[in-house]
PDB file of N, CA and C in Angstrom:
ATOM      1  N   MET A   1     105.515 128.324  94.492  1.00  0.00           N
ATOM      2  CA  MET A   1     104.308 128.887  95.047  1.00  0.00           C
ATOM      3  C   MET A   1     104.652 129.575  96.364  1.00  0.00           C
ATOM      4  N   SER A   2     104.169 130.789  96.556  1.00  0.00           N
ATOM      5  CA  SER A   2     104.495 131.528  97.771  1.00  0.00           C
ATOM      6  C   SER A   2     103.862 130.896  99.005  1.00  0.00           C
ATOM      7  N   ALA A   3     104.366 131.312 100.152  1.00  0.00           N
ATOM      8  CA  ALA A   3     103.861 130.824 101.432  1.00  0.00           C
ATOM      9  C   ALA A   3     103.805 131.998 102.393  1.00  0.00           C
ATOM     10  N   TYR A   4     102.924 131.886 103.362  1.00  0.00           N
ATOM     11  CA  TYR A   4     102.729 132.959 104.331  1.00  0.00           C
ATOM     12  C   TYR A   4     103.001 132.441 105.735  1.00  0.00           C
ATOM     13  N   TRP A   5     103.833 133.163 106.440  1.00  0.00           N
ATOM     14  CA  TRP A   5     104.175 132.889 107.823  1.00  0.00           C
ATOM     15  C   TRP A   5     103.262 133.795 108.622  1.00  0.00           C
ATOM     16  N   ILE A   6     102.390 133.232 109.425  1.00  0.00           N
ATOM     17  CA  ILE A   6     101.410 134.004 110.179  1.00  0.00           C
ATOM     18  C   ILE A   6     101.661 133.777 111.668  1.00  0.00           C
ATOM     19  N   ALA A   7     101.927 134.861 112.370  1.00  0.00           N
ATOM     20  CA  ALA A   7     102.217 134.786 113.798  1.00  0.00           C
ATOM     21  C   ALA A   7     101.224 135.638 114.575  1.00  0.00           C
ATOM     22  N   HIS A   8     100.757 135.096 115.682  1.00  0.00           N
ATOM     23  CA  HIS A   8      99.893 135.809 116.622  1.00  0.00           C
ATOM     24  C   HIS A   8     100.644 135.800 117.948  1.00  0.00           C
ATOM     25  N   VAL A   9     100.861 136.993 118.524  1.00  0.00           N
ATOM     26  CA  VAL A   9     101.794 137.107 119.643  1.00  0.00           C
ATOM     27  C   VAL A   9     101.229 137.981 120.761  1.00  0.00           C
ATOM     28  N   THR A  10     101.433 137.549 121.984  1.00  0.00           N
ATOM     29  CA  THR A  10     101.251 138.386 123.165  1.00  0.00           C
ATOM     30  C   THR A  10     102.633 138.578 123.766  1.00  0.00           C
ATOM     31  N   VAL A  11     103.092 139.806 123.808  1.00  0.00           N
ATOM     32  CA  VAL A  11     104.419 140.117 124.336  1.00  0.00           C
ATOM     33  C   VAL A  11     104.326 140.230 125.860  1.00  0.00           C
ATOM     34  N   THR A  12     105.218 139.528 126.550  1.00  0.00           N
ATOM     35  CA  THR A  12     105.251 139.566 128.016  1.00  0.00           C
ATOM     36  C   THR A  12     106.485 140.291 128.550  1.00  0.00           C
ATOM     37  N   ASP A  13     107.491 140.501 127.701  1.00  0.00           N
ATOM     38  CA  ASP A  13     108.707 141.231 128.071  1.00  0.00           C
ATOM     39  C   ASP A  13     109.131 142.035 126.844  1.00  0.00           C
ATOM     40  N   ALA A  14     108.797 143.316 126.850  1.00  0.00           N
ATOM     41  CA  ALA A  14     109.017 144.155 125.666  1.00  0.00           C
ATOM     42  C   ALA A  14     110.495 144.275 125.291  1.00  0.00           C
ATOM     43  N   ASP A  15     111.378 144.378 126.255  1.00  0.00           N
ATOM     44  CA  ASP A  15     112.804 144.525 125.946  1.00  0.00           C
ATOM     45  C   ASP A  15     113.367 143.278 125.261  1.00  0.00           C
ATOM     46  N   ALA A  16     113.085 142.114 125.826  1.00  0.00           N
ATOM     47  CA  ALA A  16     113.578 140.866 125.229  1.00  0.00           C
ATOM     48  C   ALA A  16     112.919 140.626 123.877  1.00  0.00           C
ATOM     49  N   TYR A  17     111.645 140.974 123.749  1.00  0.00           N
ATOM     50  CA  TYR A  17     110.978 140.779 122.468  1.00  0.00           C
ATOM     51  C   TYR A  17     111.547 141.725 121.415  1.00  0.00           C
ATOM     52  N   GLY A  18     111.952 142.897 121.833  1.00  0.00           N
ATOM     53  CA  GLY A  18     112.609 143.817 120.905  1.00  0.00           C
ATOM     54  C   GLY A  18     113.893 143.235 120.353  1.00  0.00           C
ATOM     55  N   GLU A  19     114.636 142.528 121.201  1.00  0.00           N
ATOM     56  CA  GLU A  19     115.855 141.850 120.743  1.00  0.00           C
ATOM     57  C   GLU A  19     115.500 140.765 119.731  1.00  0.00           C
ATOM     58  N   TYR A  20     114.450 139.998 120.022  1.00  0.00           N
ATOM     59  CA  TYR A  20     113.978 138.989 119.067  1.00  0.00           C
ATOM     60  C   TYR A  20     113.666 139.641 117.724  1.00  0.00           C
ATOM     61  N   ALA A  21     112.856 140.708 117.747  1.00  0.00           N
ATOM     62  CA  ALA A  21     112.422 141.356 116.502  1.00  0.00           C
ATOM     63  C   ALA A  21     113.613 141.852 115.694  1.00  0.00           C
ATOM     64  N   SER A  22     114.585 142.409 116.368  1.00  0.00           N
ATOM     65  CA  SER A  22     115.777 142.903 115.685  1.00  0.00           C
ATOM     66  C   SER A  22     116.536 141.775 114.988  1.00  0.00           C
ATOM     67  N   LEU A  23     116.750 140.681 115.696  1.00  0.00           N
ATOM     68  CA  LEU A  23     117.474 139.541 115.119  1.00  0.00           C
ATOM     69  C   LEU A  23     116.644 138.803 114.072  1.00  0.00           C
ATOM     70  N   ALA A  24     115.353 138.648 114.336  1.00  0.00           N
ATOM     71  CA  ALA A  24     114.490 137.892 113.427  1.00  0.00           C
ATOM     72  C   ALA A  24     114.347 138.576 112.076  1.00  0.00           C
ATOM     73  N   THR A  25     114.302 139.893 112.066  1.00  0.00           N
ATOM     74  CA  THR A  25     114.126 140.623 110.809  1.00  0.00           C
ATOM     75  C   THR A  25     115.202 140.251 109.801  1.00  0.00           C
ATOM     76  N   GLY A  26     116.441 140.245 110.234  1.00  0.00           N
ATOM     77  CA  GLY A  26     117.536 139.883 109.326  1.00  0.00           C
ATOM     78  C   GLY A  26     117.453 138.452 108.842  1.00  0.00           C
ATOM     79  N   ALA A  27     117.107 137.543 109.744  1.00  0.00           N
ATOM     80  CA  ALA A  27     116.992 136.127 109.370  1.00  0.00           C
ATOM     81  C   ALA A  27     115.867 135.929 108.367  1.00  0.00           C
ATOM     82  N   ILE A  28     114.765 136.569 108.592  1.00  0.00           N
ATOM     83  CA  ILE A  28     113.607 136.439 107.695  1.00  0.00           C
ATOM     84  C   ILE A  28     113.931 137.006 106.323  1.00  0.00           C
ATOM     85  N   GLU A  29     114.500 138.195 106.288  1.00  0.00           N
ATOM     86  CA  GLU A  29     114.839 138.810 105.000  1.00  0.00           C
ATOM     87  C   GLU A  29     115.902 138.005 104.251  1.00  0.00           C
ATOM     88  N   ALA A  30     116.835 137.384 104.974  1.00  0.00           N
ATOM     89  CA  ALA A  30     117.878 136.569 104.345  1.00  0.00           C
ATOM     90  C   ALA A  30     117.296 135.337 103.652  1.00  0.00           C
ATOM     91  N   HIS A  31     116.091 134.922 104.034  1.00  0.00           N
ATOM     92  CA  HIS A  31     115.439 133.763 103.427  1.00  0.00           C
ATOM     93  C   HIS A  31     114.329 134.179 102.457  1.00  0.00           C
ATOM     94  N   GLY A  32     114.371 135.405 102.011  1.00  0.00           N
ATOM     95  CA  GLY A  32     113.406 135.876 101.017  1.00  0.00           C
ATOM     96  C   GLY A  32     112.080 136.332 101.596  1.00  0.00           C
ATOM     97  N   GLY A  33     112.003 136.464 102.922  1.00  0.00           N
ATOM     98  CA  GLY A  33     110.759 136.887 103.558  1.00  0.00           C
ATOM     99  C   GLY A  33     110.500 138.372 103.381  1.00  0.00           C
ATOM    100  N   GLU A  34     109.245 138.701 103.140  1.00  0.00           N
ATOM    101  CA  GLU A  34     108.812 140.090 102.980  1.00  0.00           C
ATOM    102  C   GLU A  34     107.655 140.337 103.951  1.00  0.00           C
ATOM    103  N   PHE A  35     107.824 141.304 104.837  1.00  0.00           N
ATOM    104  CA  PHE A  35     106.776 141.621 105.804  1.00  0.00           C
ATOM    105  C   PHE A  35     105.604 142.292 105.109  1.00  0.00           C
ATOM    106  N   LEU A  36     104.416 141.707 105.257  1.00  0.00           N
ATOM    107  CA  LEU A  36     103.188 142.276 104.694  1.00  0.00           C
ATOM    108  C   LEU A  36     102.378 142.999 105.764  1.00  0.00           C
ATOM    109  N   ALA A  37     102.435 142.510 106.981  1.00  0.00           N
ATOM    110  CA  ALA A  37     101.767 143.151 108.117  1.00  0.00           C
ATOM    111  C   ALA A  37     102.602 142.861 109.351  1.00  0.00           C
ATOM    112  N   ARG A  38     102.797 143.883 110.164  1.00  0.00           N
ATOM    113  CA  ARG A  38     103.665 143.705 111.331  1.00  0.00           C
ATOM    114  C   ARG A  38     103.222 144.662 112.429  1.00  0.00           C
ATOM    115  N   GLY A  39     102.403 144.142 113.337  1.00  0.00           N
ATOM    116  CA  GLY A  39     101.954 144.965 114.446  1.00  0.00           C
ATOM    117  C   GLY A  39     100.935 146.020 114.072  1.00  0.00           C
ATOM    118  N   THR A  40     100.273 145.837 112.941  1.00  0.00           N
ATOM    119  CA  THR A  40      99.291 146.815 112.495  1.00  0.00           C
ATOM    120  C   THR A  40      97.914 146.527 113.106  1.00  0.00           C
ATOM    121  N   ARG A  41      96.971 147.386 112.820  1.00  0.00           N
ATOM    122  CA  ARG A  41      95.608 147.255 113.347  1.00  0.00           C
ATOM    123  C   ARG A  41      95.038 145.876 113.011  1.00  0.00           C
ATOM    124  N   THR A  42      94.416 145.266 114.004  1.00  0.00           N
ATOM    125  CA  THR A  42      93.814 143.948 113.850  1.00  0.00           C
ATOM    126  C   THR A  42      92.379 143.983 114.352  1.00  0.00           C
ATOM    127  N   VAL A  43      91.487 143.383 113.609  1.00  0.00           N
ATOM    128  CA  VAL A  43      90.104 143.184 114.060  1.00  0.00           C
ATOM    129  C   VAL A  43      89.974 141.693 114.309  1.00  0.00           C
ATOM    130  N   TRP A  44      89.854 141.303 115.570  1.00  0.00           N
ATOM    131  CA  TRP A  44      89.823 139.892 115.945  1.00  0.00           C
ATOM    132  C   TRP A  44      88.384 139.409 115.922  1.00  0.00           C
ATOM    133  N   LEU A  45      88.107 138.340 115.203  1.00  0.00           N
ATOM    134  CA  LEU A  45      86.741 137.835 115.065  1.00  0.00           C
ATOM    135  C   LEU A  45      86.485 136.534 115.808  1.00  0.00           C
ATOM    136  N   GLU A  46      87.488 135.661 115.891  1.00  0.00           N
ATOM    137  CA  GLU A  46      87.313 134.365 116.560  1.00  0.00           C
ATOM    138  C   GLU A  46      88.625 133.942 117.199  1.00  0.00           C
ATOM    139  N   GLY A  47      88.520 133.052 118.181  1.00  0.00           N
ATOM    140  CA  GLY A  47      89.708 132.479 118.802  1.00  0.00           C
ATOM    141  C   GLY A  47      90.319 133.390 119.837  1.00  0.00           C
ATOM    142  N   GLU A  48      91.507 132.994 120.300  1.00  0.00           N
ATOM    143  CA  GLU A  48      92.202 133.747 121.344  1.00  0.00           C
ATOM    144  C   GLU A  48      92.910 134.954 120.742  1.00  0.00           C
ATOM    145  N   GLU A  49      92.521 136.116 121.182  1.00  0.00           N
ATOM    146  CA  GLU A  49      93.092 137.356 120.650  1.00  0.00           C
ATOM    147  C   GLU A  49      94.536 137.530 121.108  1.00  0.00           C
ATOM    148  N   ARG A  50      95.375 137.966 120.201  1.00  0.00           N
ATOM    149  CA  ARG A  50      96.760 138.324 120.492  1.00  0.00           C
ATOM    150  C   ARG A  50      96.952 139.775 120.033  1.00  0.00           C
ATOM    151  N   ALA A  51      97.699 140.531 120.807  1.00  0.00           N
ATOM    152  CA  ALA A  51      97.869 141.959 120.533  1.00  0.00           C
ATOM    153  C   ALA A  51      98.733 142.231 119.303  1.00  0.00           C
ATOM    154  N   ARG A  52      99.665 141.350 118.994  1.00  0.00           N
ATOM    155  CA  ARG A  52     100.591 141.576 117.880  1.00  0.00           C
ATOM    156  C   ARG A  52     100.406 140.467 116.859  1.00  0.00           C
ATOM    157  N   ASN A  53     100.258 140.860 115.607  1.00  0.00           N
ATOM    158  CA  ASN A  53     100.035 139.904 114.525  1.00  0.00           C
ATOM    159  C   ASN A  53     100.962 140.255 113.369  1.00  0.00           C
ATOM    160  N   VAL A  54     101.579 139.220 112.791  1.00  0.00           N
ATOM    161  CA  VAL A  54     102.575 139.424 111.744  1.00  0.00           C
ATOM    162  C   VAL A  54     102.294 138.468 110.592  1.00  0.00           C
ATOM    163  N   VAL A  55     102.383 139.004 109.365  1.00  0.00           N
ATOM    164  CA  VAL A  55     102.258 138.188 108.158  1.00  0.00           C
ATOM    165  C   VAL A  55     103.495 138.451 107.308  1.00  0.00           C
ATOM    166  N   VAL A  56     104.184 137.363 106.954  1.00  0.00           N
ATOM    167  CA  VAL A  56     105.384 137.446 106.124  1.00  0.00           C
ATOM    168  C   VAL A  56     105.182 136.541 104.911  1.00  0.00           C
ATOM    169  N   ARG A  57     105.474 137.059 103.737  1.00  0.00           N
ATOM    170  CA  ARG A  57     105.410 136.236 102.521  1.00  0.00           C
ATOM    171  C   ARG A  57     106.816 135.729 102.201  1.00  0.00           C
ATOM    172  N   PHE A  58     106.917 134.421 101.944  1.00  0.00           N
ATOM    173  CA  PHE A  58     108.154 133.774 101.514  1.00  0.00           C
ATOM    174  C   PHE A  58     107.953 133.236 100.105  1.00  0.00           C
ATOM    175  N   PRO A  59     109.034 132.996  99.369  1.00  0.00           N
ATOM    176  CA  PRO A  59     108.901 132.427  98.030  1.00  0.00           C
ATOM    177  C   PRO A  59     108.233 131.050  98.015  1.00  0.00           C
ATOM    178  N   SER A  60     108.413 130.263  99.097  1.00  0.00           N
ATOM    179  CA  SER A  60     107.844 128.914  99.144  1.00  0.00           C
ATOM    180  C   SER A  60     107.717 128.452 100.592  1.00  0.00           C
ATOM    181  N   VAL A  61     106.962 127.383 100.789  1.00  0.00           N
ATOM    182  CA  VAL A  61     106.865 126.770 102.118  1.00  0.00           C
ATOM    183  C   VAL A  61     108.256 126.338 102.579  1.00  0.00           C
ATOM    184  N   GLU A  62     109.031 125.784 101.662  1.00  0.00           N
ATOM    185  CA  GLU A  62     110.369 125.301 102.008  1.00  0.00           C
ATOM    186  C   GLU A  62     111.263 126.446 102.472  1.00  0.00           C
ATOM    187  N   ASP A  63     111.165 127.610 101.826  1.00  0.00           N
ATOM    188  CA  ASP A  63     111.952 128.772 102.254  1.00  0.00           C
ATOM    189  C   ASP A  63     111.538 129.223 103.654  1.00  0.00           C
ATOM    190  N   ALA A  64     110.249 129.210 103.924  1.00  0.00           N
ATOM    191  CA  ALA A  64     109.754 129.596 105.248  1.00  0.00           C
ATOM    192  C   ALA A  64     110.241 128.620 106.312  1.00  0.00           C
ATOM    193  N   GLU A  65     110.199 127.328 105.993  1.00  0.00           N
ATOM    194  CA  GLU A  65     110.685 126.317 106.939  1.00  0.00           C
ATOM    195  C   GLU A  65     112.193 126.441 107.162  1.00  0.00           C
ATOM    196  N   ARG A  66     112.939 126.679 106.072  1.00  0.00           N
ATOM    197  CA  ARG A  66     114.395 126.849 106.205  1.00  0.00           C
ATOM    198  C   ARG A  66     114.719 128.054 107.084  1.00  0.00           C
ATOM    199  N   CYS A  67     113.947 129.111 106.926  1.00  0.00           N
ATOM    200  CA  CYS A  67     114.143 130.290 107.771  1.00  0.00           C
ATOM    201  C   CYS A  67     113.947 129.923 109.230  1.00  0.00           C
ATOM    202  N   TYR A  68     112.839 129.261 109.532  1.00  0.00           N
ATOM    203  CA  TYR A  68     112.535 128.900 110.919  1.00  0.00           C
ATOM    204  C   TYR A  68     113.639 128.026 111.526  1.00  0.00           C
ATOM    205  N   GLN A  69     114.157 127.101 110.743  1.00  0.00           N
ATOM    206  CA  GLN A  69     115.178 126.167 111.230  1.00  0.00           C
ATOM    207  C   GLN A  69     116.587 126.766 111.226  1.00  0.00           C
ATOM    208  N   SER A  70     116.770 127.911 110.600  1.00  0.00           N
ATOM    209  CA  SER A  70     118.115 128.487 110.468  1.00  0.00           C
ATOM    210  C   SER A  70     118.706 128.856 111.824  1.00  0.00           C
ATOM    211  N   GLU A  71     120.018 128.831 111.883  1.00  0.00           N
ATOM    212  CA  GLU A  71     120.726 129.197 113.107  1.00  0.00           C
ATOM    213  C   GLU A  71     120.394 130.630 113.519  1.00  0.00           C
ATOM    214  N   ALA A  72     120.329 131.523 112.557  1.00  0.00           N
ATOM    215  CA  ALA A  72     120.040 132.928 112.869  1.00  0.00           C
ATOM    216  C   ALA A  72     118.651 133.099 113.470  1.00  0.00           C
ATOM    217  N   TYR A  73     117.654 132.419 112.895  1.00  0.00           N
ATOM    218  CA  TYR A  73     116.299 132.567 113.447  1.00  0.00           C
ATOM    219  C   TYR A  73     116.179 131.874 114.798  1.00  0.00           C
ATOM    220  N   GLN A  74     116.804 130.734 114.965  1.00  0.00           N
ATOM    221  CA  GLN A  74     116.751 130.034 116.250  1.00  0.00           C
ATOM    222  C   GLN A  74     117.383 130.879 117.357  1.00  0.00           C
ATOM    223  N   LYS A  75     118.434 131.625 117.026  1.00  0.00           N
ATOM    224  CA  LYS A  75     119.026 132.547 118.001  1.00  0.00           C
ATOM    225  C   LYS A  75     118.005 133.611 118.387  1.00  0.00           C
ATOM    226  N   ALA A  76     117.334 134.185 117.396  1.00  0.00           N
ATOM    227  CA  ALA A  76     116.298 135.182 117.677  1.00  0.00           C
ATOM    228  C   ALA A  76     115.180 134.580 118.512  1.00  0.00           C
ATOM    229  N   LEU A  77     114.791 133.381 118.152  1.00  0.00           N
ATOM    230  CA  LEU A  77     113.683 132.708 118.831  1.00  0.00           C
ATOM    231  C   LEU A  77     113.975 132.462 120.310  1.00  0.00           C
ATOM    232  N   SER A  78     115.237 132.329 120.668  1.00  0.00           N
ATOM    233  CA  SER A  78     115.576 132.136 122.077  1.00  0.00           C
ATOM    234  C   SER A  78     115.129 133.331 122.918  1.00  0.00           C
ATOM    235  N   PHE A  79     115.085 134.516 122.337  1.00  0.00           N
ATOM    236  CA  PHE A  79     114.580 135.700 123.031  1.00  0.00           C
ATOM    237  C   PHE A  79     113.052 135.703 123.061  1.00  0.00           C
ATOM    238  N   ALA A  80     112.425 135.329 121.961  1.00  0.00           N
ATOM    239  CA  ALA A  80     110.957 135.352 121.873  1.00  0.00           C
ATOM    240  C   ALA A  80     110.321 134.354 122.830  1.00  0.00           C
ATOM    241  N   ARG A  81     110.934 133.211 122.985  1.00  0.00           N
ATOM    242  CA  ARG A  81     110.347 132.161 123.838  1.00  0.00           C
ATOM    243  C   ARG A  81     110.193 132.607 125.283  1.00  0.00           C
ATOM    244  N   LYS A  82     111.119 133.427 125.766  1.00  0.00           N
ATOM    245  CA  LYS A  82     111.021 133.886 127.151  1.00  0.00           C
ATOM    246  C   LYS A  82     110.320 135.240 127.259  1.00  0.00           C
ATOM    247  N   ALA A  83     109.899 135.795 126.139  1.00  0.00           N
ATOM    248  CA  ALA A  83     109.337 137.144 126.132  1.00  0.00           C
ATOM    249  C   ALA A  83     107.937 137.223 125.549  1.00  0.00           C
ATOM    250  N   SER A  84     107.337 136.066 125.221  1.00  0.00           N
ATOM    251  CA  SER A  84     106.038 136.127 124.557  1.00  0.00           C
ATOM    252  C   SER A  84     105.309 134.789 124.610  1.00  0.00           C
ATOM    253  N   ILE A  85     104.036 134.870 124.311  1.00  0.00           N
ATOM    254  CA  ILE A  85     103.200 133.693 124.050  1.00  0.00           C
ATOM    255  C   ILE A  85     102.862 133.796 122.576  1.00  0.00           C
ATOM    256  N   ARG A  86     103.172 132.753 121.806  1.00  0.00           N
ATOM    257  CA  ARG A  86     103.083 132.848 120.344  1.00  0.00           C
ATOM    258  C   ARG A  86     102.393 131.653 119.718  1.00  0.00           C
ATOM    259  N   ASP A  87     101.731 131.935 118.626  1.00  0.00           N
ATOM    260  CA  ASP A  87     101.243 130.908 117.716  1.00  0.00           C
ATOM    261  C   ASP A  87     101.840 131.266 116.356  1.00  0.00           C
ATOM    262  N   LEU A  88     102.371 130.279 115.645  1.00  0.00           N
ATOM    263  CA  LEU A  88     102.993 130.526 114.352  1.00  0.00           C
ATOM    264  C   LEU A  88     102.665 129.379 113.411  1.00  0.00           C
ATOM    265  N   CYS A  89     102.272 129.727 112.204  1.00  0.00           N
ATOM    266  CA  CYS A  89     102.047 128.682 111.194  1.00  0.00           C
ATOM    267  C   CYS A  89     102.524 129.178 109.839  1.00  0.00           C
ATOM    268  N   ILE A  90     102.696 128.236 108.926  1.00  0.00           N
ATOM    269  CA  ILE A  90     103.021 128.530 107.534  1.00  0.00           C
ATOM    270  C   ILE A  90     101.844 128.052 106.700  1.00  0.00           C
ATOM    271  N   VAL A  91     101.357 128.932 105.833  1.00  0.00           N
ATOM    272  CA  VAL A  91     100.237 128.608 104.971  1.00  0.00           C
ATOM    273  C   VAL A  91     100.686 128.763 103.526  1.00  0.00           C
ATOM    274  N   GLU A  92     100.515 127.717 102.734  1.00  0.00           N
ATOM    275  CA  GLU A  92     100.862 127.788 101.316  1.00  0.00           C
ATOM    276  C   GLU A  92      99.859 128.683 100.596  1.00  0.00           C
ATOM    277  N   GLY A  93     100.373 129.563  99.734  1.00  0.00           N
ATOM    278  CA  GLY A  93      99.510 130.446  98.953  1.00  0.00           C
ATOM    279  C   GLY A  93      98.987 129.772  97.696  1.00  0.00           C
ATOM    280  N   ASN A  94      98.097 130.445  97.044  1.00  0.00           N
ATOM    281  CA  ASN A  94      97.547 129.937  95.772  1.00  0.00           C
ATOM    282  C   ASN A  94      98.414 130.353  94.610  1.00  0.00           C
TER     283      ASN A  94
END
């Protein structure tokens, strides 16, 4: 069953976040992730608005978790942590 990685992000350092995005893309794709939405138009209805929103489909929740825990993604994440405020979750699809 597929799973969706949903991230809501406020970028605080564009250069460092660009490094994150570059590294994260390869890690995500290596784990079967497919970007469905990435920085596109968002209509915010409830909660804390974030300027950047990303949706990635993975083959399974386990694949999404393995991606997050992977050495490659953790390296990318080291840039994102100092360059953004983020919320990230994995949602199992139907």
